[in-house]
Each structure stands twice: as structure tokens, then as C-alpha cells.
Amino acid sequence: MSVPDETQARLDALEAHIAYQNQVIEELSEVAAMQWSEIAELKDRLNRLNNIFQEFEAGMDGEPDQELPPHY
């Protein structure tokens, strides 16, 4: 293999490696975007549940009964 052929082979290998890395970066970017979307949805759900819980707590009448149940 002559020097120009060897250089061309190395360049081809580097180009293939870069193309593969670009593909992997795109895939990782898509996964990250999906995860951020899911995180935002989960935060939304958590906030709604927190609001429901706070409304439930606010709707309770005073102190809970301090009387022991009959089985005590």
C-alpha cells in the first residue's frame, strides 16, 4: 500500500467513524428530548396530585376523631 493509499484509507475510516458518531448523537438527542417531555408531563401530574391533596387536606373538618375504635 502506498502512502497516498494509506492516507486515503485512514481518511475513509475517520469519515465512517464520524458518520457513526453523528448518527449516535442524533439518536441520543431524540432520546433526551423524549425524556424531557416525559419529565415535564410527570411534573405536571405531580403538581395536579399535590393540588388535589392540598384541597383534600383543606376540606377536612378540624381535627380527626381522637376516639379509639371499638376494637381497642
C-alpha atoms as a PDB file:
ATOM      1  CA  MET A   1       0.000   0.000   0.000  1.00  0.00           C
ATOM      2  CA  SER A   2       1.482   3.323  -0.975  1.00  0.00           C
ATOM      3  CA  VAL A   3       1.456   6.383   1.240  1.00  0.00           C
ATOM      4  CA  PRO A   4      -1.434   8.107  -0.621  1.00  0.00           C
ATOM      5  CA  ASP A   5      -3.481   4.873  -0.484  1.00  0.00           C
ATOM      6  CA  GLU A   6      -2.784   4.504   3.219  1.00  0.00           C
ATOM      7  CA  THR A   7      -3.740   8.122   3.843  1.00  0.00           C
ATOM      8  CA  GLN A   8      -6.938   7.680   1.850  1.00  0.00           C
ATOM      9  CA  ALA A   9      -7.793   4.520   3.795  1.00  0.00           C
ATOM     10  CA  ARG A  10      -7.255   6.351   7.085  1.00  0.00           C
ATOM     11  CA  LEU A  11      -9.405   9.266   5.894  1.00  0.00           C
ATOM     12  CA  ASP A  12     -12.159   6.862   4.836  1.00  0.00           C
ATOM     13  CA  ALA A  13     -12.042   5.172   8.237  1.00  0.00           C
ATOM     14  CA  LEU A  14     -12.215   8.532  10.003  1.00  0.00           C
ATOM     15  CA  GLU A  15     -15.152   9.658   7.843  1.00  0.00           C
ATOM     16  CA  ALA A  16     -17.007   6.427   8.615  1.00  0.00           C
ATOM     17  CA  HIS A  17     -16.291   6.872  12.318  1.00  0.00           C
ATOM     18  CA  ILE A  18     -17.544  10.468  12.250  1.00  0.00           C
ATOM     19  CA  ALA A  19     -20.694   9.445  10.380  1.00  0.00           C
ATOM     20  CA  TYR A  20     -21.379   6.778  13.010  1.00  0.00           C
ATOM     21  CA  GLN A  21     -20.800   9.280  15.810  1.00  0.00           C
ATOM     22  CA  ASN A  22     -23.168  11.763  14.172  1.00  0.00           C
ATOM     23  CA  GLN A  23     -25.850   9.067  13.989  1.00  0.00           C
ATOM     24  CA  VAL A  24     -25.371   8.172  17.652  1.00  0.00           C
ATOM     25  CA  ILE A  25     -25.527  11.843  18.654  1.00  0.00           C
ATOM     26  CA  GLU A  26     -28.813  12.265  16.768  1.00  0.00           C
ATOM     27  CA  GLU A  27     -30.283   9.193  18.463  1.00  0.00           C
ATOM     28  CA  LEU A  28     -29.177  10.412  21.892  1.00  0.00           C
ATOM     29  CA  SER A  29     -30.647  13.820  21.174  1.00  0.00           C
ATOM     30  CA  GLU A  30     -34.004  12.246  20.310  1.00  0.00           C
ATOM     31  CA  VAL A  31     -33.951  10.170  23.493  1.00  0.00           C
ATOM     32  CA  ALA A  32     -33.078  13.223  25.590  1.00  0.00           C
ATOM     33  CA  ALA A  33     -35.931  15.190  24.012  1.00  0.00           C
ATOM     34  CA  MET A  34     -38.396  12.379  24.763  1.00  0.00           C
ATOM     35  CA  GLN A  35     -37.154  12.176  28.354  1.00  0.00           C
ATOM     36  CA  TRP A  36     -37.537  15.928  28.888  1.00  0.00           C
ATOM     37  CA  SER A  37     -41.063  15.690  27.523  1.00  0.00           C
ATOM     38  CA  GLU A  38     -41.846  12.833  29.896  1.00  0.00           C
ATOM     39  CA  ILE A  39     -40.296  14.707  32.821  1.00  0.00           C
ATOM     40  CA  ALA A  40     -42.465  17.743  32.058  1.00  0.00           C
ATOM     41  CA  GLU A  41     -45.566  15.521  31.938  1.00  0.00           C
ATOM     42  CA  LEU A  42     -44.652  13.861  35.233  1.00  0.00           C
ATOM     43  CA  LYS A  43     -44.068  17.247  36.887  1.00  0.00           C
ATOM     44  CA  ASP A  44     -47.490  18.317  35.661  1.00  0.00           C
ATOM     45  CA  ARG A  45     -49.098  15.192  37.120  1.00  0.00           C
ATOM     46  CA  LEU A  46     -47.271  15.665  40.411  1.00  0.00           C
ATOM     47  CA  ASN A  47     -48.453  19.273  40.659  1.00  0.00           C
ATOM     48  CA  ARG A  48     -52.062  18.234  39.964  1.00  0.00           C
ATOM     49  CA  LEU A  49     -51.892  15.477  42.581  1.00  0.00           C
ATOM     50  CA  ASN A  50     -50.330  17.887  45.051  1.00  0.00           C
ATOM     51  CA  ASN A  51     -53.155  20.360  44.442  1.00  0.00           C
ATOM     52  CA  ILE A  52     -55.763  17.630  44.912  1.00  0.00           C
ATOM     53  CA  PHE A  53     -54.076  16.546  48.137  1.00  0.00           C
ATOM     54  CA  GLN A  54     -53.944  20.112  49.446  1.00  0.00           C
ATOM     55  CA  GLU A  55     -57.636  20.602  48.618  1.00  0.00           C
ATOM     56  CA  PHE A  56     -58.414  17.360  50.426  1.00  0.00           C
ATOM     57  CA  GLU A  57     -56.472  18.469  53.492  1.00  0.00           C
ATOM     58  CA  ALA A  58     -58.141  21.886  53.464  1.00  0.00           C
ATOM     59  CA  GLY A  59     -61.580  20.253  53.202  1.00  0.00           C
ATOM     60  CA  MET A  60     -61.150  18.161  56.312  1.00  0.00           C
ATOM     61  CA  ASP A  61     -63.150  19.448  59.267  1.00  0.00           C
ATOM     62  CA  GLY A  62     -60.756  20.323  62.053  1.00  0.00           C
ATOM     63  CA  GLU A  63     -59.033  17.593  63.972  1.00  0.00           C
ATOM     64  CA  PRO A  64     -59.697  13.945  63.224  1.00  0.00           C
ATOM     65  CA  ASP A  65     -61.648  11.993  65.795  1.00  0.00           C
ATOM     66  CA  GLN A  66     -59.416  11.163  68.738  1.00  0.00           C
ATOM     67  CA  GLU A  67     -61.786   8.455  69.929  1.00  0.00           C
ATOM     68  CA  LEU A  68     -60.354   4.940  69.851  1.00  0.00           C
ATOM     69  CA  PRO A  69     -62.067   2.479  67.538  1.00  0.00           C
ATOM     70  CA  PRO A  70     -64.253  -0.186  69.187  1.00  0.00           C
ATOM     71  CA  HIS A  71     -61.673  -2.940  68.870  1.00  0.00           C
ATOM     72  CA  TYR A  72     -59.353  -1.223  71.418  1.00  0.00           C
END
